N, C-alpha and C. Protein backbone atom coordinates (compact mmCIF):
# COMPACT_ATOMS: atom_id res chain seq x y z
N MET A 1 73.00 117.21 121.64
CA MET A 1 73.40 116.31 120.57
C MET A 1 72.17 115.53 120.09
N ARG A 2 72.04 115.39 118.77
CA ARG A 2 70.91 114.66 118.20
C ARG A 2 71.23 113.18 118.09
N ASP A 3 70.21 112.38 118.29
CA ASP A 3 70.32 110.94 118.17
C ASP A 3 69.07 110.47 117.41
N PHE A 4 68.95 109.19 117.17
CA PHE A 4 67.78 108.68 116.45
C PHE A 4 67.52 107.23 116.82
N VAL A 5 66.27 106.82 116.57
CA VAL A 5 65.88 105.41 116.63
C VAL A 5 65.09 105.13 115.36
N ASP A 6 65.37 103.98 114.73
CA ASP A 6 64.63 103.57 113.55
C ASP A 6 63.44 102.73 113.98
N ILE A 7 62.30 102.95 113.33
CA ILE A 7 61.06 102.31 113.75
C ILE A 7 60.56 101.29 112.73
N GLY A 8 60.74 101.55 111.45
CA GLY A 8 60.27 100.64 110.40
C GLY A 8 59.39 101.37 109.41
N GLY A 9 59.00 100.68 108.33
CA GLY A 9 58.21 101.30 107.28
C GLY A 9 56.71 101.14 107.42
N THR A 10 56.29 100.13 108.20
CA THR A 10 54.88 99.85 108.48
C THR A 10 54.80 99.17 109.85
N PRO A 11 53.60 99.02 110.41
CA PRO A 11 53.48 98.23 111.63
C PRO A 11 54.08 96.83 111.43
N HIS A 12 54.61 96.28 112.50
CA HIS A 12 55.40 95.03 112.45
C HIS A 12 54.69 93.84 111.83
N ASP A 13 53.42 93.65 112.11
CA ASP A 13 52.72 92.46 111.64
C ASP A 13 51.82 92.74 110.43
N GLU A 14 52.16 93.77 109.67
CA GLU A 14 51.39 94.12 108.47
C GLU A 14 52.24 93.91 107.23
N GLU A 15 51.56 93.65 106.11
CA GLU A 15 52.27 93.55 104.83
C GLU A 15 52.75 94.93 104.43
N CYS A 16 53.81 94.95 103.60
CA CYS A 16 54.35 96.23 103.17
C CYS A 16 54.84 96.14 101.73
N ALA A 17 55.13 97.31 101.17
CA ALA A 17 55.63 97.39 99.80
C ALA A 17 56.94 96.63 99.68
N GLN A 18 57.15 96.04 98.53
CA GLN A 18 58.41 95.37 98.22
C GLN A 18 59.17 96.24 97.23
N ILE A 19 60.48 96.24 97.34
CA ILE A 19 61.33 97.06 96.48
C ILE A 19 62.08 96.13 95.53
N GLY A 20 62.24 96.54 94.29
CA GLY A 20 63.02 95.76 93.34
C GLY A 20 62.37 95.71 91.98
N ASP A 21 63.08 95.14 91.03
CA ASP A 21 62.60 95.09 89.65
C ASP A 21 61.28 94.33 89.50
N SER A 22 61.05 93.31 90.33
CA SER A 22 59.83 92.53 90.20
C SER A 22 58.61 93.23 90.80
N PHE A 23 58.82 94.37 91.46
CA PHE A 23 57.73 95.07 92.12
C PHE A 23 57.66 96.52 91.63
N PRO A 24 57.03 96.73 90.47
CA PRO A 24 56.90 98.10 89.99
C PRO A 24 56.12 98.94 91.00
N HIS A 25 56.50 100.16 91.13
CA HIS A 25 55.84 101.13 92.03
C HIS A 25 56.11 100.86 93.50
N GLY A 26 57.02 99.95 93.81
CA GLY A 26 57.32 99.64 95.21
C GLY A 26 57.80 100.85 95.99
N GLN A 27 58.63 101.68 95.37
CA GLN A 27 59.15 102.84 96.09
C GLN A 27 58.05 103.86 96.39
N GLU A 28 57.14 104.07 95.43
CA GLU A 28 56.04 105.00 95.67
C GLU A 28 55.12 104.49 96.79
N LEU A 29 54.86 103.18 96.77
CA LEU A 29 54.02 102.60 97.82
C LEU A 29 54.72 102.66 99.17
N ASN A 30 56.03 102.44 99.18
CA ASN A 30 56.82 102.52 100.42
C ASN A 30 56.72 103.92 101.02
N LYS A 31 56.83 104.96 100.18
CA LYS A 31 56.70 106.34 100.68
C LYS A 31 55.32 106.59 101.26
N LEU A 32 54.29 106.12 100.55
CA LEU A 32 52.92 106.29 101.00
C LEU A 32 52.71 105.61 102.35
N GLU A 33 53.22 104.39 102.49
CA GLU A 33 53.08 103.66 103.76
C GLU A 33 53.82 104.36 104.89
N CYS A 34 54.99 104.91 104.62
CA CYS A 34 55.73 105.63 105.66
C CYS A 34 54.97 106.87 106.13
N ARG A 35 54.38 107.60 105.19
CA ARG A 35 53.59 108.78 105.57
C ARG A 35 52.42 108.37 106.45
N ALA A 36 51.75 107.29 106.08
CA ALA A 36 50.63 106.81 106.89
C ALA A 36 51.12 106.30 108.25
N TYR A 37 52.28 105.66 108.27
CA TYR A 37 52.81 105.13 109.54
C TYR A 37 53.13 106.25 110.52
N ILE A 38 53.66 107.35 110.02
CA ILE A 38 53.91 108.50 110.91
C ILE A 38 52.60 108.96 111.52
N LEU A 39 51.56 109.05 110.72
CA LEU A 39 50.25 109.45 111.24
C LEU A 39 49.75 108.45 112.29
N ALA A 40 49.89 107.17 112.01
CA ALA A 40 49.45 106.14 112.96
C ALA A 40 50.24 106.22 114.26
N LEU A 41 51.54 106.44 114.17
CA LEU A 41 52.36 106.56 115.38
C LEU A 41 51.93 107.77 116.21
N ARG A 42 51.66 108.88 115.54
CA ARG A 42 51.21 110.08 116.26
C ARG A 42 49.85 109.85 116.91
N ARG A 43 48.98 109.11 116.24
CA ARG A 43 47.67 108.81 116.82
C ARG A 43 47.80 107.92 118.05
N HIS A 44 48.75 107.01 118.02
CA HIS A 44 48.92 106.07 119.13
C HIS A 44 49.72 106.67 120.29
N TYR A 45 50.84 107.30 119.97
CA TYR A 45 51.75 107.80 121.01
C TYR A 45 51.60 109.29 121.30
N GLY A 46 50.83 110.00 120.48
CA GLY A 46 50.71 111.44 120.63
C GLY A 46 51.72 112.15 119.75
N PRO A 47 51.57 113.47 119.61
CA PRO A 47 52.51 114.22 118.77
C PRO A 47 53.90 114.29 119.42
N GLU A 48 54.90 114.52 118.61
CA GLU A 48 56.25 114.64 119.11
C GLU A 48 56.38 115.87 120.01
N PRO A 49 57.08 115.74 121.11
CA PRO A 49 57.36 116.93 121.93
C PRO A 49 58.47 117.75 121.28
N ASP A 50 58.69 118.95 121.75
CA ASP A 50 59.82 119.75 121.27
C ASP A 50 61.09 118.92 121.41
N GLY A 51 61.92 118.95 120.39
CA GLY A 51 63.19 118.22 120.43
C GLY A 51 63.12 116.84 119.80
N ALA A 52 61.92 116.39 119.40
CA ALA A 52 61.78 115.08 118.74
C ALA A 52 61.03 115.29 117.42
N SER A 53 61.32 114.44 116.45
CA SER A 53 60.66 114.56 115.15
C SER A 53 60.59 113.19 114.48
N LEU A 54 59.41 112.86 113.95
CA LEU A 54 59.25 111.65 113.15
C LEU A 54 59.51 112.03 111.69
N VAL A 55 60.45 111.34 111.06
CA VAL A 55 60.85 111.65 109.70
C VAL A 55 60.92 110.36 108.89
N ILE A 56 60.98 110.50 107.58
CA ILE A 56 61.18 109.35 106.69
C ILE A 56 62.64 109.34 106.27
N LYS A 57 63.31 108.24 106.51
CA LYS A 57 64.73 108.08 106.20
C LYS A 57 64.89 107.14 105.01
N ALA A 58 65.62 107.59 103.98
CA ALA A 58 65.88 106.78 102.80
C ALA A 58 67.15 105.95 103.02
N ASN A 59 67.09 104.68 102.66
CA ASN A 59 68.22 103.76 102.80
C ASN A 59 68.47 103.07 101.45
N PRO A 60 69.44 103.57 100.66
CA PRO A 60 69.69 102.93 99.36
C PRO A 60 70.36 101.56 99.51
N HIS A 61 69.98 100.64 98.64
CA HIS A 61 70.66 99.35 98.58
C HIS A 61 70.55 98.80 97.16
N ASP A 62 71.00 97.59 96.93
CA ASP A 62 71.09 97.02 95.58
C ASP A 62 69.77 96.98 94.82
N PHE A 63 68.66 96.83 95.50
CA PHE A 63 67.37 96.66 94.83
C PHE A 63 66.58 97.96 94.70
N GLY A 64 67.10 99.03 95.23
CA GLY A 64 66.40 100.31 95.20
C GLY A 64 66.51 100.98 96.55
N THR A 65 65.80 102.05 96.73
CA THR A 65 65.85 102.79 97.99
C THR A 65 64.67 102.40 98.86
N TRP A 66 64.97 101.92 100.04
CA TRP A 66 63.95 101.55 101.02
C TRP A 66 63.83 102.69 102.00
N ARG A 67 62.62 103.04 102.37
CA ARG A 67 62.39 104.11 103.36
C ARG A 67 61.73 103.53 104.59
N GLU A 68 62.07 104.15 105.71
CA GLU A 68 61.42 103.77 106.96
C GLU A 68 61.31 105.00 107.84
N VAL A 69 60.48 104.89 108.86
CA VAL A 69 60.27 105.99 109.78
C VAL A 69 61.37 105.97 110.83
N ARG A 70 61.85 107.16 111.13
CA ARG A 70 62.90 107.34 112.14
C ARG A 70 62.44 108.44 113.08
N CYS A 71 62.74 108.30 114.34
CA CYS A 71 62.50 109.37 115.31
C CYS A 71 63.85 109.97 115.66
N THR A 72 64.05 111.24 115.29
CA THR A 72 65.26 111.95 115.71
C THR A 72 64.92 112.72 116.97
N PHE A 73 65.89 112.85 117.84
CA PHE A 73 65.62 113.54 119.10
C PHE A 73 66.90 114.12 119.70
N GLU A 74 66.71 115.13 120.55
CA GLU A 74 67.82 115.73 121.29
C GLU A 74 68.04 114.91 122.55
N ARG A 75 69.22 114.35 122.66
CA ARG A 75 69.53 113.47 123.79
C ARG A 75 69.37 114.15 125.14
N GLU A 76 69.69 115.44 125.20
CA GLU A 76 69.64 116.17 126.47
C GLU A 76 68.22 116.53 126.89
N ASN A 77 67.27 116.43 125.98
CA ASN A 77 65.89 116.79 126.24
C ASN A 77 65.15 115.53 126.73
N GLU A 78 64.81 115.51 128.01
CA GLU A 78 64.22 114.31 128.61
C GLU A 78 62.90 113.90 127.94
N ALA A 79 62.02 114.87 127.68
CA ALA A 79 60.73 114.53 127.05
C ALA A 79 60.94 113.97 125.64
N ALA A 80 61.85 114.56 124.88
CA ALA A 80 62.14 114.07 123.53
C ALA A 80 62.74 112.68 123.57
N ARG A 81 63.66 112.47 124.50
CA ARG A 81 64.32 111.16 124.64
C ARG A 81 63.30 110.09 125.04
N GLU A 82 62.44 110.38 126.01
CA GLU A 82 61.43 109.42 126.45
C GLU A 82 60.44 109.09 125.33
N TYR A 83 60.05 110.11 124.57
CA TYR A 83 59.14 109.88 123.44
C TYR A 83 59.80 108.95 122.42
N ALA A 84 61.04 109.23 122.08
CA ALA A 84 61.76 108.40 121.09
C ALA A 84 61.85 106.95 121.56
N TYR A 85 62.17 106.73 122.80
CA TYR A 85 62.31 105.36 123.28
C TYR A 85 60.95 104.65 123.36
N LYS A 86 59.90 105.42 123.59
CA LYS A 86 58.55 104.84 123.62
C LYS A 86 58.09 104.49 122.20
N VAL A 87 58.24 105.44 121.26
CA VAL A 87 57.77 105.23 119.89
C VAL A 87 58.64 104.22 119.14
N GLU A 88 59.84 103.97 119.63
CA GLU A 88 60.73 102.97 119.01
C GLU A 88 60.06 101.60 118.93
N ASN A 89 59.13 101.32 119.84
CA ASN A 89 58.40 100.05 119.82
C ASN A 89 57.50 99.92 118.60
N GLY A 90 57.18 101.04 117.96
CA GLY A 90 56.32 101.01 116.78
C GLY A 90 54.93 100.52 117.12
N LEU A 91 54.27 100.00 116.11
CA LEU A 91 52.93 99.44 116.25
C LEU A 91 52.94 98.03 115.68
N ARG A 92 52.04 97.21 116.13
CA ARG A 92 51.94 95.86 115.60
C ARG A 92 51.02 95.82 114.37
N PHE A 93 49.91 96.56 114.45
CA PHE A 93 48.93 96.59 113.36
C PHE A 93 48.52 98.03 113.07
N TRP A 94 48.03 98.28 111.86
CA TRP A 94 47.52 99.61 111.51
C TRP A 94 46.42 100.05 112.47
N ALA A 95 45.58 99.12 112.87
CA ALA A 95 44.45 99.45 113.75
C ALA A 95 44.91 100.04 115.08
N HIS A 96 46.12 99.71 115.53
CA HIS A 96 46.63 100.28 116.78
C HIS A 96 46.86 101.79 116.65
N GLY A 97 46.96 102.28 115.42
CA GLY A 97 47.06 103.71 115.16
C GLY A 97 45.75 104.27 114.63
N CYS A 98 44.67 103.51 114.80
CA CYS A 98 43.33 103.92 114.36
C CYS A 98 43.29 104.21 112.86
N LEU A 99 43.98 103.40 112.08
CA LEU A 99 43.98 103.54 110.62
C LEU A 99 43.74 102.19 109.97
N SER A 100 43.23 102.24 108.75
CA SER A 100 43.20 101.06 107.90
C SER A 100 44.49 101.08 107.09
N ALA A 101 44.90 99.92 106.59
CA ALA A 101 46.11 99.85 105.78
C ALA A 101 45.96 100.76 104.55
N PRO A 102 46.99 101.55 104.23
CA PRO A 102 46.90 102.42 103.05
C PRO A 102 46.95 101.64 101.74
N VAL A 103 47.52 100.42 101.78
CA VAL A 103 47.60 99.55 100.62
C VAL A 103 47.22 98.14 101.06
N VAL A 104 46.38 97.48 100.28
CA VAL A 104 46.03 96.09 100.57
C VAL A 104 46.71 95.24 99.50
N TYR A 105 47.37 94.16 99.93
CA TYR A 105 48.13 93.30 99.03
C TYR A 105 47.42 91.96 98.85
N ASP A 106 47.66 91.33 97.68
CA ASP A 106 47.11 90.00 97.46
C ASP A 106 48.03 88.96 98.09
N ASP A 107 47.70 87.68 97.93
CA ASP A 107 48.49 86.64 98.59
C ASP A 107 49.88 86.45 97.99
N ARG A 108 50.18 87.14 96.90
CA ARG A 108 51.52 87.09 96.32
C ARG A 108 52.33 88.35 96.63
N GLY A 109 51.76 89.23 97.46
CA GLY A 109 52.45 90.46 97.83
C GLY A 109 52.32 91.59 96.83
N ARG A 110 51.41 91.45 95.88
CA ARG A 110 51.18 92.50 94.90
C ARG A 110 50.06 93.41 95.40
N PRO A 111 50.19 94.74 95.16
CA PRO A 111 49.14 95.65 95.61
C PRO A 111 47.81 95.38 94.91
N LYS A 112 46.75 95.35 95.70
CA LYS A 112 45.41 95.07 95.18
C LYS A 112 44.56 96.34 95.19
N THR A 113 44.52 97.02 96.33
CA THR A 113 43.76 98.27 96.45
C THR A 113 44.59 99.30 97.20
N ILE A 114 44.24 100.57 96.98
CA ILE A 114 44.90 101.70 97.64
C ILE A 114 43.81 102.57 98.24
N ARG A 115 44.06 103.08 99.43
CA ARG A 115 43.10 103.95 100.10
C ARG A 115 43.29 105.38 99.62
N THR A 116 42.21 106.00 99.17
CA THR A 116 42.20 107.42 98.80
C THR A 116 41.09 108.10 99.60
N LYS A 117 40.95 109.40 99.41
CA LYS A 117 39.88 110.11 100.13
C LYS A 117 38.51 109.61 99.72
N ASP A 118 38.44 108.98 98.55
CA ASP A 118 37.17 108.43 98.06
C ASP A 118 36.97 106.98 98.46
N GLY A 119 37.85 106.45 99.28
CA GLY A 119 37.75 105.05 99.71
C GLY A 119 38.79 104.19 99.03
N ASP A 120 38.63 102.89 99.15
CA ASP A 120 39.57 101.95 98.54
C ASP A 120 39.28 101.85 97.05
N VAL A 121 40.34 101.99 96.25
CA VAL A 121 40.21 101.90 94.80
C VAL A 121 41.20 100.85 94.29
N PRO A 122 40.90 100.22 93.14
CA PRO A 122 41.84 99.24 92.59
C PRO A 122 43.21 99.87 92.34
N PHE A 123 44.23 99.07 92.49
CA PHE A 123 45.60 99.54 92.31
C PHE A 123 45.86 99.92 90.85
N THR A 124 46.27 101.17 90.64
CA THR A 124 46.72 101.66 89.34
C THR A 124 47.73 102.77 89.61
N GLU A 125 48.45 103.19 88.58
CA GLU A 125 49.36 104.33 88.75
C GLU A 125 48.57 105.57 89.18
N ASP A 126 47.38 105.76 88.61
CA ASP A 126 46.56 106.91 88.98
C ASP A 126 46.15 106.85 90.44
N ALA A 127 45.88 105.66 90.94
CA ALA A 127 45.50 105.52 92.35
C ALA A 127 46.65 105.90 93.27
N ILE A 128 47.88 105.53 92.91
CA ILE A 128 49.04 105.93 93.71
C ILE A 128 49.14 107.45 93.75
N ALA A 129 49.01 108.07 92.57
CA ALA A 129 49.09 109.52 92.49
C ALA A 129 47.99 110.18 93.31
N GLN A 130 46.76 109.63 93.23
CA GLN A 130 45.64 110.21 93.98
C GLN A 130 45.86 110.07 95.48
N ALA A 131 46.30 108.90 95.93
CA ALA A 131 46.53 108.69 97.36
C ALA A 131 47.62 109.62 97.87
N SER A 132 48.67 109.81 97.08
CA SER A 132 49.74 110.73 97.48
C SER A 132 49.25 112.17 97.51
N ALA A 133 48.43 112.55 96.53
CA ALA A 133 47.89 113.92 96.47
C ALA A 133 46.92 114.19 97.61
N ASP A 134 46.25 113.14 98.08
CA ASP A 134 45.30 113.32 99.18
C ASP A 134 46.02 113.64 100.49
N ALA A 135 47.34 113.49 100.49
CA ALA A 135 48.16 113.79 101.67
C ALA A 135 47.66 113.03 102.89
N CYS A 136 47.43 111.78 102.70
CA CYS A 136 46.95 110.89 103.77
C CYS A 136 45.56 111.31 104.22
N CYS A 137 44.58 110.73 103.62
CA CYS A 137 43.19 111.06 103.90
C CYS A 137 42.69 110.40 105.18
N TRP A 138 43.48 109.59 105.80
CA TRP A 138 43.00 108.76 106.90
C TRP A 138 42.66 109.49 108.19
N PRO A 139 43.08 110.73 108.43
CA PRO A 139 42.75 111.33 109.73
C PRO A 139 41.27 111.39 110.04
N GLU A 140 40.42 111.46 109.03
CA GLU A 140 38.99 111.56 109.28
C GLU A 140 38.35 110.21 109.61
N GLU A 141 39.10 109.13 109.48
CA GLU A 141 38.52 107.81 109.67
C GLU A 141 37.95 107.59 111.06
N GLN A 142 38.76 107.84 112.05
CA GLN A 142 38.37 107.54 113.42
C GLN A 142 38.87 108.66 114.32
N PRO A 143 38.22 108.89 115.45
CA PRO A 143 38.68 109.97 116.33
C PRO A 143 40.07 109.67 116.88
N LEU A 144 40.81 110.72 117.12
CA LEU A 144 42.16 110.60 117.67
C LEU A 144 42.09 110.09 119.09
N PRO A 145 42.76 108.98 119.40
CA PRO A 145 42.72 108.45 120.77
C PRO A 145 43.66 109.24 121.68
N ALA A 146 43.48 109.05 122.96
CA ALA A 146 44.41 109.65 123.91
C ALA A 146 45.75 108.93 123.78
N PRO A 147 46.88 109.66 123.94
CA PRO A 147 48.19 109.02 123.85
C PRO A 147 48.35 107.92 124.90
N ILE A 148 49.12 106.91 124.56
CA ILE A 148 49.43 105.83 125.49
C ILE A 148 50.49 106.30 126.46
N ALA A 149 50.26 106.13 127.72
CA ALA A 149 51.23 106.59 128.73
C ALA A 149 52.36 105.60 128.89
């Protein structure tokens, strides 16, 4: 039987995309952050074992669709279950996953810069498209650490 644990859209103590009419492009930024968060979780906890999978789960509500990372796993599979319960803790900061934040926000919560394969660029619609097309350029940033036991 499959089960799941929800982890969140970004590390716990980091800024994240806002959803709603006052935040254009919030959903695109939310997707980008979730993709990066999966990479950061894999860098910190190691890849998912057979029977477990890190996925992006969409949650519709009044202000738009919010996405977050979820770990689905087979309850009967001990390694998958242990991985899910370990990764459920998430990360506190992007650096714990050996990544820089994919989006940097100003003091009002508006996106300021976006990370692309060419480095940090000012926030524009084109920058969102480029960062998404780069399919998360961050793996080359720092060497992959050993998984946390």
